[in-house]
Amino acid sequence: MSEMIALEKVPSEREGALVRKGHEECMEEAYLRLEQYGLPLGLLPLTDISELGFVKSTGFFWVSQPKRVEHFFKKASVLVAYGREITGYLDHNSVKKLKGVSAKLLLWLAVHDVKIDLSSPEKIQMKGLGGSIQRTFPVKAFAIGE
């Protein structure tokens, strides 16, 4: 006789999330969270967000949009691409384990971490996976409308 193995339900990282739908409502929530975590409000220059979710207990968030969007930040001289789904973990002055965002430096680089160094709060640092490639920009380059 074979034994039945009971599978444990693995909680989703989206469990317990506050979910917003529609661009205006999503941007309002995004600005609120960016400000709450000490990040520049222009980090997400998106025009057609369909869904945004945020789990307060873990800082996990996701943003969904119908198509990939590119934005050139003039004051930073960097082109950034935002995929159809962006995920990450908000922490004080940082975004960790970011997925769905790439920056064109010499080549396209997946941005894995974004951090404002408290010893130099006018600068924001973007790092690739593993931190071997990183670049620092002025925080004001990521203000709304830049």
Protein backbone atom coordinates (compact mmCIF):
# COMPACT_ATOMS: atom_id res chain seq x y z
CA MET A 1 0.00 0.00 0.00
CA SER A 2 1.40 3.41 -0.94
CA GLU A 3 1.32 6.28 1.47
CA MET A 4 -0.18 9.60 0.56
CA ILE A 5 2.19 12.45 1.25
CA ALA A 6 0.46 15.60 2.41
CA LEU A 7 1.93 18.63 0.75
CA GLU A 8 2.24 21.68 2.92
CA LYS A 9 0.79 24.83 1.53
CA VAL A 10 3.70 27.14 0.83
CA PRO A 11 2.68 30.74 1.45
CA SER A 12 3.01 33.04 -1.51
CA GLU A 13 5.14 36.14 -1.08
CA ARG A 14 2.03 38.03 -2.26
CA GLU A 15 -0.14 36.67 0.56
CA GLY A 16 -1.75 39.43 2.61
CA ALA A 17 -0.94 42.11 0.05
CA LEU A 18 -2.71 45.40 -0.38
CA VAL A 19 -3.55 45.37 -4.11
CA ARG A 20 -4.43 48.41 -6.20
CA LYS A 21 -5.75 48.37 -9.77
CA GLY A 22 -5.76 51.12 -12.39
CA HIS A 23 -2.99 53.57 -13.17
CA GLU A 24 -4.05 56.52 -11.00
CA GLU A 25 -4.67 54.43 -7.89
CA CYS A 26 -1.43 52.48 -8.44
CA MET A 27 0.69 55.62 -8.86
CA GLU A 28 -0.82 57.14 -5.73
CA GLU A 29 0.14 54.00 -3.79
CA ALA A 30 3.61 53.89 -5.42
CA TYR A 31 4.34 57.50 -4.40
CA LEU A 32 3.14 56.78 -0.87
CA ARG A 33 5.44 53.74 -0.53
CA LEU A 34 8.47 55.41 -2.16
CA GLU A 35 8.13 58.36 0.20
CA GLN A 36 7.54 56.09 3.22
CA TYR A 37 10.79 54.22 2.48
CA GLY A 38 12.86 57.35 1.77
CA LEU A 39 13.23 56.84 -1.99
CA PRO A 40 12.88 59.40 -4.80
CA LEU A 41 9.34 59.59 -6.18
CA GLY A 42 10.48 59.51 -9.81
CA LEU A 43 11.95 55.98 -9.63
CA LEU A 44 8.85 54.60 -11.37
CA PRO A 45 8.11 56.90 -14.34
CA LEU A 46 5.43 54.56 -15.68
CA THR A 47 2.38 55.60 -17.68
CA ASP A 48 0.03 52.61 -17.69
CA ILE A 49 0.23 50.52 -14.51
CA SER A 50 -2.53 47.92 -14.33
CA GLU A 51 -1.77 46.52 -10.86
CA LEU A 52 0.40 47.28 -7.84
CA GLY A 53 0.68 45.09 -4.78
CA PHE A 54 2.45 45.65 -1.49
CA VAL A 55 2.95 43.33 1.50
CA LYS A 56 3.61 45.53 4.53
CA SER A 57 5.06 42.75 6.71
CA THR A 58 7.87 41.89 4.25
CA GLY A 59 8.19 44.98 2.05
CA PHE A 60 7.55 42.84 -1.03
CA PHE A 61 5.95 44.70 -3.93
CA TRP A 62 5.02 44.12 -7.54
CA VAL A 63 4.00 46.39 -10.38
CA SER A 64 2.30 45.07 -13.53
CA GLN A 65 1.95 46.93 -16.81
CA PRO A 66 0.84 45.80 -20.27
CA LYS A 67 4.19 46.40 -21.99
CA ARG A 68 7.85 47.15 -21.35
CA VAL A 69 8.59 50.87 -20.92
CA GLU A 70 11.88 52.73 -21.37
CA HIS A 71 12.67 56.07 -19.73
CA PHE A 72 15.73 58.28 -20.18
CA PHE A 73 16.73 60.07 -16.99
CA LYS A 74 18.41 63.20 -18.36
CA LYS A 75 20.20 64.33 -15.19
CA ALA A 76 21.65 60.83 -14.72
CA SER A 77 22.26 60.27 -18.46
CA VAL A 78 20.92 56.74 -18.18
CA LEU A 79 18.24 54.82 -20.07
CA VAL A 80 16.18 52.53 -17.82
CA ALA A 81 13.81 49.79 -19.01
CA TYR A 82 10.89 48.61 -16.89
CA GLY A 83 9.52 45.16 -17.76
CA ARG A 84 5.91 44.03 -17.79
CA GLU A 85 6.29 42.93 -14.16
CA ILE A 86 8.59 44.54 -11.63
CA THR A 87 9.13 42.97 -8.20
CA GLY A 88 11.34 43.68 -5.22
CA TYR A 89 11.54 44.32 -1.51
CA LEU A 90 11.33 47.84 -0.08
CA ASP A 91 13.52 48.59 2.90
CA HIS A 92 14.55 51.88 4.49
CA ASN A 93 16.27 53.90 1.71
CA SER A 94 16.60 50.86 -0.56
CA VAL A 95 15.03 48.36 -2.90
CA LYS A 96 16.46 44.84 -2.70
CA LYS A 97 16.16 41.78 -4.95
CA LEU A 98 14.73 43.96 -7.70
CA LYS A 99 13.56 42.15 -10.84
CA GLY A 100 12.21 43.57 -14.09
CA VAL A 101 14.38 46.71 -14.25
CA SER A 102 17.44 47.19 -16.47
CA ALA A 103 19.75 50.15 -17.06
CA LYS A 104 21.77 50.75 -20.17
CA LEU A 105 25.30 51.61 -19.14
CA LEU A 106 27.66 50.26 -21.78
CA LEU A 107 25.44 47.20 -22.05
CA TRP A 108 22.01 46.48 -20.60
CA LEU A 109 22.45 45.57 -16.94
CA ALA A 110 19.73 44.08 -14.75
CA VAL A 111 19.39 46.33 -11.72
CA HIS A 112 19.23 44.17 -8.59
CA ASP A 113 19.59 46.72 -5.76
CA VAL A 114 18.94 50.44 -5.39
CA LYS A 115 20.23 52.19 -2.28
CA ILE A 116 20.64 55.66 -0.85
CA ASP A 117 23.75 55.68 1.31
CA LEU A 118 22.93 57.50 4.54
CA SER A 119 26.51 58.81 4.74
CA SER A 120 25.91 60.53 1.39
CA PRO A 121 22.11 61.02 1.14
CA GLU A 122 22.29 63.09 -2.04
CA LYS A 123 23.50 60.03 -3.98
CA ILE A 124 21.69 56.88 -5.04
CA GLN A 125 23.51 53.70 -6.01
CA MET A 126 22.30 51.04 -8.45
CA LYS A 127 23.90 47.61 -8.41
CA GLY A 128 23.72 44.61 -10.67
CA LEU A 129 23.36 41.06 -9.37
CA GLY A 130 26.24 40.25 -7.03
CA GLY A 131 27.16 43.94 -6.74
CA SER A 132 30.15 43.64 -9.07
CA ILE A 133 28.78 46.34 -11.36
CA GLN A 134 27.42 49.46 -9.74
CA ARG A 135 26.90 53.09 -10.55
CA THR A 136 26.11 56.13 -8.41
CA PHE A 137 23.80 58.97 -9.47
CA PRO A 138 22.48 62.14 -7.86
CA VAL A 139 19.15 61.46 -6.08
CA LYS A 140 17.64 64.57 -7.69
CA ALA A 141 18.02 62.88 -11.11
CA PHE A 142 15.14 60.59 -10.05
CA ALA A 143 12.73 63.29 -8.90
CA ILE A 144 9.24 63.35 -10.44
CA GLY A 145 9.36 64.77 -13.95
CA GLU A 146 13.08 64.18 -14.55
